[in-house]
Amino acid sequence: MLTFRTSKWSYTSSMSGGASFGPLLISGAKLVLSDPQNHSHSFRYADFGFGASPMRLPRSFQLPSIGGITLLGATSDFPGSGAMFTTSYFHGSELSPQDIEGAAI
């Protein structure tokens, strides 16, 4: 059974940007997290993929498409807060920046 433990790290903010062409998407983002000493750390990532949705947003909520390419984005102007958790697969006492960096699926 998978168990969770609350970390002393916390979520502070994030920002992202990307573009899609039909069902293909590429994007990048930055997560801002605070460590247990309340020092801010920025983590950047990029991703890609594809998908399809049976539903579409109303036109008033859609960004314009330029030549079939749709741009998307979100700024970090709206700070947030959130908890972070580790699972039973993490055997350390507390997270470090190196535990958060690296590839993910």
C-alpha atoms as a PDB file:
ATOM      1  CA  MET A   1       0.000   0.000   0.000  1.00  0.00           C
ATOM      2  CA  LEU A   2       1.271   3.449  -0.921  1.00  0.00           C
ATOM      3  CA  THR A   3       1.568   5.799   2.047  1.00  0.00           C
ATOM      4  CA  PHE A   4       2.146   9.552   2.031  1.00  0.00           C
ATOM      5  CA  ARG A   5       4.166  11.757   4.355  1.00  0.00           C
ATOM      6  CA  THR A   6       3.954  15.556   4.473  1.00  0.00           C
ATOM      7  CA  SER A   7       7.184  17.297   3.451  1.00  0.00           C
ATOM      8  CA  LYS A   8       8.387  20.574   4.954  1.00  0.00           C
ATOM      9  CA  TRP A   9       8.717  21.924   1.400  1.00  0.00           C
ATOM     10  CA  SER A  10       5.811  23.965   0.052  1.00  0.00           C
ATOM     11  CA  TYR A  11       4.463  25.154  -3.290  1.00  0.00           C
ATOM     12  CA  THR A  12       4.737  28.926  -3.835  1.00  0.00           C
ATOM     13  CA  SER A  13       3.949  29.717  -7.472  1.00  0.00           C
ATOM     14  CA  SER A  14       4.284  28.584 -11.063  1.00  0.00           C
ATOM     15  CA  MET A  15       4.232  29.870 -14.625  1.00  0.00           C
ATOM     16  CA  SER A  16       3.941  28.149 -17.991  1.00  0.00           C
ATOM     17  CA  GLY A  17       3.794  28.658 -21.731  1.00  0.00           C
ATOM     18  CA  GLY A  18       3.269  26.448 -24.713  1.00  0.00           C
ATOM     19  CA  ALA A  19       1.948  25.965 -28.197  1.00  0.00           C
ATOM     20  CA  SER A  20      -0.216  23.371 -29.880  1.00  0.00           C
ATOM     21  CA  PHE A  21      -0.697  22.414 -33.482  1.00  0.00           C
ATOM     22  CA  GLY A  22      -3.763  20.246 -33.801  1.00  0.00           C
ATOM     23  CA  PRO A  23      -3.384  17.421 -31.285  1.00  0.00           C
ATOM     24  CA  LEU A  24       0.369  18.043 -30.700  1.00  0.00           C
ATOM     25  CA  LEU A  25       1.518  20.148 -27.720  1.00  0.00           C
ATOM     26  CA  ILE A  26       4.871  21.418 -26.488  1.00  0.00           C
ATOM     27  CA  SER A  27       5.225  23.483 -23.339  1.00  0.00           C
ATOM     28  CA  GLY A  28       7.597  24.670 -20.661  1.00  0.00           C
ATOM     29  CA  ALA A  29       7.058  25.810 -17.124  1.00  0.00           C
ATOM     30  CA  LYS A  30       8.665  26.922 -13.904  1.00  0.00           C
ATOM     31  CA  LEU A  31       7.675  25.777 -10.423  1.00  0.00           C
ATOM     32  CA  VAL A  32       8.667  27.893  -7.435  1.00  0.00           C
ATOM     33  CA  LEU A  33       8.962  25.928  -4.195  1.00  0.00           C
ATOM     34  CA  SER A  34      10.080  26.908  -0.695  1.00  0.00           C
ATOM     35  CA  ASP A  35      12.405  24.657   1.288  1.00  0.00           C
ATOM     36  CA  PRO A  36      12.084  24.066   5.073  1.00  0.00           C
ATOM     37  CA  GLN A  37      14.247  27.175   5.748  1.00  0.00           C
ATOM     38  CA  ASN A  38      11.826  29.224   3.572  1.00  0.00           C
ATOM     39  CA  HIS A  39      14.401  29.727   0.775  1.00  0.00           C
ATOM     40  CA  SER A  40      12.865  29.926  -2.690  1.00  0.00           C
ATOM     41  CA  HIS A  41      13.906  27.420  -5.392  1.00  0.00           C
ATOM     42  CA  SER A  42      12.888  27.545  -9.070  1.00  0.00           C
ATOM     43  CA  PHE A  43      12.572  24.349 -11.090  1.00  0.00           C
ATOM     44  CA  ARG A  44      12.121  24.480 -14.861  1.00  0.00           C
ATOM     45  CA  TYR A  45      10.682  21.754 -17.028  1.00  0.00           C
ATOM     46  CA  ALA A  46       9.553  21.089 -20.573  1.00  0.00           C
ATOM     47  CA  ASP A  47       7.100  18.575 -21.904  1.00  0.00           C
ATOM     48  CA  PHE A  48       5.397  17.425 -25.067  1.00  0.00           C
ATOM     49  CA  GLY A  49       2.571  15.150 -26.038  1.00  0.00           C
ATOM     50  CA  PHE A  50      -0.678  14.911 -27.881  1.00  0.00           C
ATOM     51  CA  GLY A  51      -4.327  14.581 -27.061  1.00  0.00           C
ATOM     52  CA  ALA A  52      -7.865  15.107 -28.165  1.00  0.00           C
ATOM     53  CA  SER A  53     -10.922  16.333 -26.362  1.00  0.00           C
ATOM     54  CA  PRO A  54     -14.554  15.646 -27.171  1.00  0.00           C
ATOM     55  CA  MET A  55     -15.453  19.045 -25.681  1.00  0.00           C
ATOM     56  CA  ARG A  56     -14.434  22.555 -26.721  1.00  0.00           C
ATOM     57  CA  LEU A  57     -14.475  25.722 -24.655  1.00  0.00           C
ATOM     58  CA  PRO A  58     -16.795  28.497 -25.747  1.00  0.00           C
ATOM     59  CA  ARG A  59     -15.111  30.926 -28.182  1.00  0.00           C
ATOM     60  CA  SER A  60     -15.036  33.627 -25.483  1.00  0.00           C
ATOM     61  CA  PHE A  61     -12.571  31.478 -23.457  1.00  0.00           C
ATOM     62  CA  GLN A  62     -10.324  30.413 -26.353  1.00  0.00           C
ATOM     63  CA  LEU A  63      -7.086  32.096 -27.383  1.00  0.00           C
ATOM     64  CA  PRO A  64      -6.838  32.857 -31.094  1.00  0.00           C
ATOM     65  CA  SER A  65      -5.255  30.298 -33.411  1.00  0.00           C
ATOM     66  CA  ILE A  66      -2.617  31.611 -35.835  1.00  0.00           C
ATOM     67  CA  GLY A  67      -2.132  29.382 -38.869  1.00  0.00           C
ATOM     68  CA  GLY A  68      -3.409  26.391 -36.916  1.00  0.00           C
ATOM     69  CA  ILE A  69      -1.029  27.054 -33.992  1.00  0.00           C
ATOM     70  CA  THR A  70      -2.602  27.873 -30.628  1.00  0.00           C
ATOM     71  CA  LEU A  71      -0.535  29.573 -27.919  1.00  0.00           C
ATOM     72  CA  LEU A  72      -1.140  29.183 -24.194  1.00  0.00           C
ATOM     73  CA  GLY A  73       0.354  30.674 -21.084  1.00  0.00           C
ATOM     74  CA  ALA A  74       0.044  31.513 -17.419  1.00  0.00           C
ATOM     75  CA  THR A  75       2.066  34.010 -15.393  1.00  0.00           C
ATOM     76  CA  SER A  76       3.305  33.788 -11.823  1.00  0.00           C
ATOM     77  CA  ASP A  77       1.483  37.015 -10.898  1.00  0.00           C
ATOM     78  CA  PHE A  78      -0.889  35.076  -8.677  1.00  0.00           C
ATOM     79  CA  PRO A  79       1.070  33.478  -5.830  1.00  0.00           C
ATOM     80  CA  GLY A  80      -0.359  30.370  -4.288  1.00  0.00           C
ATOM     81  CA  SER A  81       0.403  27.943  -1.541  1.00  0.00           C
ATOM     82  CA  GLY A  82       0.329  24.215  -1.238  1.00  0.00           C
ATOM     83  CA  ALA A  83       1.737  21.226   0.567  1.00  0.00           C
ATOM     84  CA  MET A  84       4.162  18.678  -0.818  1.00  0.00           C
ATOM     85  CA  PHE A  85       4.168  14.998   0.003  1.00  0.00           C
ATOM     86  CA  THR A  86       6.569  12.089  -0.310  1.00  0.00           C
ATOM     87  CA  THR A  87       5.631   8.455  -0.700  1.00  0.00           C
ATOM     88  CA  SER A  88       6.956   5.381   1.057  1.00  0.00           C
ATOM     89  CA  TYR A  89       9.434   5.014  -1.857  1.00  0.00           C
ATOM     90  CA  PHE A  90      11.349   8.066  -0.575  1.00  0.00           C
ATOM     91  CA  HIS A  91      13.685   6.862   2.180  1.00  0.00           C
ATOM     92  CA  GLY A  92      15.288  10.171   3.178  1.00  0.00           C
ATOM     93  CA  SER A  93      14.271  12.303   6.137  1.00  0.00           C
ATOM     94  CA  GLU A  94      13.467  15.401   4.030  1.00  0.00           C
ATOM     95  CA  LEU A  95      13.596  16.429   0.373  1.00  0.00           C
ATOM     96  CA  SER A  96      16.551  18.276  -1.151  1.00  0.00           C
ATOM     97  CA  PRO A  97      16.639  20.179  -4.460  1.00  0.00           C
ATOM     98  CA  GLN A  98      18.381  17.177  -6.053  1.00  0.00           C
ATOM     99  CA  ASP A  99      15.419  14.956  -5.118  1.00  0.00           C
ATOM    100  CA  ILE A 100      13.090  17.216  -7.094  1.00  0.00           C
ATOM    101  CA  GLU A 101      15.275  17.625 -10.208  1.00  0.00           C
ATOM    102  CA  GLY A 102      15.431  15.111 -13.039  1.00  0.00           C
ATOM    103  CA  ALA A 103      13.217  13.257 -15.469  1.00  0.00           C
ATOM    104  CA  ALA A 104       9.616  12.399 -14.673  1.00  0.00           C
ATOM    105  CA  ILE A 105       6.844  10.484 -16.360  1.00  0.00           C
END
